[in-house]
C-alpha cells in the first residue's frame, strides 16, 4: 500500500493561493519500504469557482491536486518494484573473512 502525504506548501500571501506542493509517496511491505519525493507547481486563480484558500485546505485536497498532475500509477509501480528488488537482491557487498 502506498501512502501519500504533503510535507509543505508554498503560497501567495495576498490571496492564500497555493503555488507549490511538496509531496511524498511511501510504500511499505512488511519490513521493506520505498519512498519518492517531488513537487508540483500550480497557478492559482482566486476568482475561479473551485478556488480553495490556504486556510481552508485539507491534506486530502492537495493530495488530489498532486495526483491529478503526476503519474500516480507509475510512481506507485516504481515503489513496488523497489521493494521487490530489496526483497530479492541480486548483489551483495562485504568481505569473505
N, C-alpha and C. Protein backbone atom coordinates (compact mmCIF):
# COMPACT_ATOMS: atom_id res chain seq x y z
N UNK A 1 0.84 -1.18 0.00
CA UNK A 1 0.00 0.00 0.00
C UNK A 1 0.89 1.25 0.00
N UNK A 2 0.47 2.25 -0.73
CA UNK A 2 1.23 3.50 -0.80
C UNK A 2 0.47 4.60 -0.08
N UNK A 3 1.18 5.33 0.76
CA UNK A 3 0.62 6.46 1.48
C UNK A 3 1.18 7.74 0.89
N UNK A 4 0.30 8.66 0.55
CA UNK A 4 0.70 9.96 0.01
C UNK A 4 0.54 11.01 1.11
N UNK A 5 1.55 11.87 1.25
CA UNK A 5 1.49 12.96 2.23
C UNK A 5 2.00 14.24 1.59
N UNK A 6 1.63 15.35 2.18
CA UNK A 6 2.12 16.66 1.76
C UNK A 6 3.03 17.16 2.88
N UNK A 7 4.29 17.44 2.53
CA UNK A 7 5.24 17.88 3.57
C UNK A 7 5.19 19.38 3.80
N UNK A 8 4.97 20.16 2.75
CA UNK A 8 4.83 21.61 2.92
C UNK A 8 4.19 22.21 1.68
N UNK A 9 3.66 23.40 1.85
CA UNK A 9 3.05 24.15 0.75
C UNK A 9 3.70 25.52 0.67
N UNK A 10 3.81 26.03 -0.54
CA UNK A 10 4.23 27.41 -0.77
C UNK A 10 3.01 28.14 -1.30
N UNK A 11 2.76 29.36 -0.78
CA UNK A 11 1.53 30.06 -1.15
C UNK A 11 1.77 31.55 -1.35
N UNK A 12 0.84 32.16 -2.05
CA UNK A 12 0.82 33.61 -2.19
C UNK A 12 0.20 34.20 -0.91
N UNK A 13 0.85 35.16 -0.32
CA UNK A 13 0.31 35.77 0.90
C UNK A 13 -0.89 36.66 0.59
N UNK A 14 -0.96 37.19 -0.62
CA UNK A 14 -2.04 38.12 -0.95
C UNK A 14 -3.41 37.46 -0.98
N UNK A 15 -3.50 36.22 -1.50
CA UNK A 15 -4.81 35.59 -1.61
C UNK A 15 -4.86 34.16 -1.07
N UNK A 16 -3.75 33.64 -0.55
CA UNK A 16 -3.73 32.29 0.00
C UNK A 16 -3.71 31.20 -1.05
N UNK A 17 -3.42 31.55 -2.29
CA UNK A 17 -3.35 30.54 -3.35
C UNK A 17 -2.07 29.73 -3.27
N UNK A 18 -2.20 28.43 -3.34
CA UNK A 18 -1.04 27.54 -3.27
C UNK A 18 -0.34 27.52 -4.63
N UNK A 19 0.96 27.77 -4.63
CA UNK A 19 1.73 27.77 -5.87
C UNK A 19 2.63 26.54 -6.01
N UNK A 20 3.02 25.91 -4.90
CA UNK A 20 3.84 24.69 -4.96
C UNK A 20 3.44 23.77 -3.81
N UNK A 21 3.30 22.49 -4.13
CA UNK A 21 3.07 21.46 -3.11
C UNK A 21 4.26 20.51 -3.13
N UNK A 22 4.82 20.23 -1.98
CA UNK A 22 5.90 19.26 -1.81
C UNK A 22 5.25 17.98 -1.29
N UNK A 23 5.41 16.88 -2.04
CA UNK A 23 4.72 15.65 -1.69
C UNK A 23 5.70 14.49 -1.49
N UNK A 24 5.21 13.47 -0.80
CA UNK A 24 5.97 12.23 -0.62
C UNK A 24 5.00 11.06 -0.74
N UNK A 25 5.44 10.03 -1.47
CA UNK A 25 4.69 8.78 -1.57
C UNK A 25 5.55 7.70 -0.94
N UNK A 26 4.99 6.95 0.01
CA UNK A 26 5.74 5.91 0.72
C UNK A 26 4.98 4.60 0.64
N UNK A 27 5.68 3.56 0.20
CA UNK A 27 5.10 2.22 0.14
C UNK A 27 5.80 1.35 1.18
N UNK A 28 5.01 0.51 1.85
CA UNK A 28 5.55 -0.38 2.87
C UNK A 28 5.01 -1.78 2.63
N UNK A 29 5.90 -2.78 2.71
CA UNK A 29 5.51 -4.18 2.62
C UNK A 29 6.32 -4.92 3.67
N UNK A 30 5.72 -5.16 4.81
CA UNK A 30 6.43 -5.81 5.91
C UNK A 30 7.57 -4.95 6.40
N UNK A 31 8.78 -5.51 6.36
CA UNK A 31 9.97 -4.78 6.81
C UNK A 31 10.59 -3.92 5.71
N UNK A 32 10.02 -3.93 4.53
CA UNK A 32 10.58 -3.23 3.38
C UNK A 32 9.77 -1.97 3.07
N UNK A 33 10.48 -0.91 2.68
CA UNK A 33 9.79 0.33 2.33
C UNK A 33 10.56 1.06 1.24
N UNK A 34 9.84 1.92 0.53
CA UNK A 34 10.44 2.76 -0.50
C UNK A 34 9.64 4.05 -0.54
N UNK A 35 10.31 5.15 -0.91
CA UNK A 35 9.58 6.41 -0.98
C UNK A 35 10.07 7.26 -2.14
N UNK A 36 9.21 8.18 -2.53
CA UNK A 36 9.52 9.12 -3.60
C UNK A 36 9.06 10.50 -3.14
N UNK A 37 9.83 11.52 -3.51
CA UNK A 37 9.53 12.88 -3.10
C UNK A 37 9.53 13.76 -4.34
N UNK A 38 8.63 14.72 -4.37
CA UNK A 38 8.60 15.63 -5.50
C UNK A 38 7.83 16.90 -5.20
N UNK A 39 7.76 17.76 -6.20
CA UNK A 39 6.99 18.99 -6.08
C UNK A 39 6.10 19.15 -7.30
N UNK A 40 5.00 19.85 -7.12
CA UNK A 40 4.10 20.19 -8.22
C UNK A 40 3.80 21.67 -8.10
N UNK A 41 3.88 22.38 -9.21
CA UNK A 41 3.57 23.81 -9.24
C UNK A 41 2.15 24.05 -9.72
N UNK A 42 1.55 25.09 -9.20
CA UNK A 42 0.18 25.46 -9.55
C UNK A 42 0.12 26.95 -9.88
N UNK A 43 -0.89 27.33 -10.64
CA UNK A 43 -1.16 28.74 -10.92
C UNK A 43 -2.57 29.02 -10.38
N UNK A 44 -2.67 29.42 -9.12
CA UNK A 44 -3.99 29.61 -8.53
C UNK A 44 -4.72 30.83 -9.10
N UNK A 45 -6.03 30.70 -9.17
CA UNK A 45 -6.89 31.79 -9.64
C UNK A 45 -7.94 32.02 -8.56
N UNK A 46 -7.74 33.04 -7.75
CA UNK A 46 -8.64 33.31 -6.62
C UNK A 46 -10.06 33.61 -7.07
N UNK A 47 -10.27 33.96 -8.34
CA UNK A 47 -11.62 34.25 -8.81
C UNK A 47 -12.33 33.01 -9.37
N UNK A 48 -11.63 31.88 -9.47
CA UNK A 48 -12.23 30.66 -10.00
C UNK A 48 -13.20 30.06 -8.99
N UNK A 49 -14.24 29.40 -9.49
CA UNK A 49 -15.28 28.87 -8.60
C UNK A 49 -14.77 27.77 -7.68
N UNK A 50 -13.77 26.98 -8.10
CA UNK A 50 -13.27 25.91 -7.26
C UNK A 50 -12.08 26.28 -6.39
N UNK A 51 -11.73 27.57 -6.36
CA UNK A 51 -10.56 28.02 -5.59
C UNK A 51 -10.75 27.72 -4.11
N UNK A 52 -9.69 27.17 -3.51
CA UNK A 52 -9.69 26.92 -2.06
C UNK A 52 -8.48 27.65 -1.49
N UNK A 53 -8.73 28.59 -0.61
CA UNK A 53 -7.64 29.35 0.01
C UNK A 53 -6.88 28.47 1.00
N UNK A 54 -5.65 28.82 1.22
CA UNK A 54 -4.74 28.08 2.10
C UNK A 54 -5.38 27.72 3.43
N UNK A 55 -6.02 28.67 4.09
CA UNK A 55 -6.59 28.43 5.42
C UNK A 55 -7.73 27.42 5.42
N UNK A 56 -8.29 27.13 4.25
CA UNK A 56 -9.42 26.20 4.16
C UNK A 56 -9.03 24.83 3.59
N UNK A 57 -7.78 24.64 3.23
CA UNK A 57 -7.34 23.39 2.61
C UNK A 57 -7.24 22.24 3.60
N UNK A 58 -7.43 21.05 3.08
CA UNK A 58 -7.11 19.83 3.82
C UNK A 58 -6.00 19.12 3.06
N UNK A 59 -5.31 18.22 3.74
CA UNK A 59 -4.26 17.46 3.05
C UNK A 59 -4.87 16.65 1.91
N UNK A 60 -6.06 16.13 2.11
CA UNK A 60 -6.72 15.35 1.06
C UNK A 60 -6.96 16.20 -0.20
N UNK A 61 -7.32 17.48 -0.02
CA UNK A 61 -7.50 18.38 -1.17
C UNK A 61 -6.22 18.43 -2.00
N UNK A 62 -5.11 18.67 -1.33
CA UNK A 62 -3.84 18.88 -2.02
C UNK A 62 -3.31 17.57 -2.61
N UNK A 63 -3.49 16.46 -1.91
CA UNK A 63 -3.09 15.17 -2.46
C UNK A 63 -3.86 14.91 -3.76
N UNK A 64 -5.12 15.25 -3.79
CA UNK A 64 -5.91 15.12 -5.01
C UNK A 64 -5.35 15.96 -6.14
N UNK A 65 -4.95 17.19 -5.85
CA UNK A 65 -4.33 18.06 -6.86
C UNK A 65 -3.04 17.45 -7.39
N UNK A 66 -2.20 16.98 -6.45
CA UNK A 66 -0.91 16.41 -6.82
C UNK A 66 -1.11 15.18 -7.70
N UNK A 67 -1.97 14.27 -7.26
CA UNK A 67 -2.18 13.04 -8.01
C UNK A 67 -2.77 13.29 -9.39
N UNK A 68 -3.48 14.39 -9.55
CA UNK A 68 -4.02 14.75 -10.86
C UNK A 68 -2.93 15.25 -11.80
N UNK A 69 -1.79 15.70 -11.25
CA UNK A 69 -0.71 16.27 -12.04
C UNK A 69 0.44 15.32 -12.30
N UNK A 70 0.62 14.31 -11.46
CA UNK A 70 1.72 13.36 -11.63
C UNK A 70 1.17 12.03 -12.15
N UNK A 71 2.06 11.13 -12.55
CA UNK A 71 1.63 9.80 -12.98
C UNK A 71 1.60 8.91 -11.74
N UNK A 72 0.48 8.97 -11.02
CA UNK A 72 0.32 8.26 -9.75
C UNK A 72 0.61 6.76 -9.92
N UNK A 73 0.05 6.15 -10.95
CA UNK A 73 0.23 4.71 -11.15
C UNK A 73 1.70 4.36 -11.38
N UNK A 74 2.41 5.17 -12.16
CA UNK A 74 3.83 4.90 -12.42
C UNK A 74 4.66 5.06 -11.16
N UNK A 75 4.34 6.07 -10.35
CA UNK A 75 5.08 6.27 -9.10
C UNK A 75 4.87 5.10 -8.17
N UNK A 76 3.62 4.66 -8.02
CA UNK A 76 3.33 3.54 -7.13
C UNK A 76 3.95 2.24 -7.66
N UNK A 77 3.97 2.05 -8.98
CA UNK A 77 4.60 0.86 -9.57
C UNK A 77 6.11 0.87 -9.33
N UNK A 78 6.72 2.05 -9.43
CA UNK A 78 8.16 2.18 -9.19
C UNK A 78 8.50 1.84 -7.74
N UNK A 79 7.68 2.30 -6.82
CA UNK A 79 7.91 2.00 -5.40
C UNK A 79 7.77 0.50 -5.14
N UNK A 80 6.77 -0.13 -5.75
CA UNK A 80 6.58 -1.57 -5.59
C UNK A 80 7.77 -2.33 -6.17
N UNK A 81 8.30 -1.86 -7.30
CA UNK A 81 9.47 -2.50 -7.91
C UNK A 81 10.70 -2.36 -7.02
N UNK A 82 10.86 -1.20 -6.38
CA UNK A 82 11.98 -1.00 -5.47
C UNK A 82 11.90 -1.98 -4.30
N UNK A 83 10.70 -2.15 -3.77
CA UNK A 83 10.52 -3.08 -2.65
C UNK A 83 10.81 -4.51 -3.09
N UNK A 84 10.32 -4.91 -4.26
CA UNK A 84 10.59 -6.25 -4.77
C UNK A 84 12.08 -6.48 -4.96
N UNK A 85 12.79 -5.47 -5.45
CA UNK A 85 14.24 -5.58 -5.62
C UNK A 85 14.94 -5.74 -4.28
N UNK A 86 14.46 -5.05 -3.26
CA UNK A 86 15.05 -5.18 -1.92
C UNK A 86 14.76 -6.57 -1.33
N UNK A 87 13.58 -7.10 -1.61
CA UNK A 87 13.20 -8.41 -1.08
C UNK A 87 13.95 -9.54 -1.77
N UNK A 88 14.36 -9.32 -3.02
CA UNK A 88 15.02 -10.36 -3.81
C UNK A 88 16.31 -9.81 -4.42
N UNK A 89 17.31 -9.54 -3.59
CA UNK A 89 18.53 -8.90 -4.10
C UNK A 89 19.30 -9.82 -5.05
N UNK A 90 19.99 -9.20 -5.98
CA UNK A 90 20.83 -9.93 -6.93
C UNK A 90 22.30 -9.67 -6.69
N UNK A 91 22.63 -8.77 -5.80
CA UNK A 91 24.02 -8.45 -5.46
C UNK A 91 24.14 -8.30 -3.95
N UNK A 92 25.35 -8.46 -3.47
CA UNK A 92 25.62 -8.27 -2.05
C UNK A 92 26.99 -7.63 -1.90
N UNK A 93 27.23 -6.98 -0.79
CA UNK A 93 28.52 -6.36 -0.51
C UNK A 93 29.09 -6.98 0.76
N UNK A 94 30.38 -6.92 0.89
CA UNK A 94 31.02 -7.44 2.09
C UNK A 94 32.37 -8.04 1.75
N UNK A 95 32.93 -8.70 2.72
CA UNK A 95 34.20 -9.41 2.53
C UNK A 95 34.02 -10.83 3.06
N UNK A 96 34.74 -11.79 2.52
CA UNK A 96 34.54 -13.18 2.93
C UNK A 96 35.28 -13.58 4.22
N UNK A 97 36.02 -12.71 4.83
CA UNK A 97 36.75 -13.09 6.06
C UNK A 97 36.16 -12.51 7.30
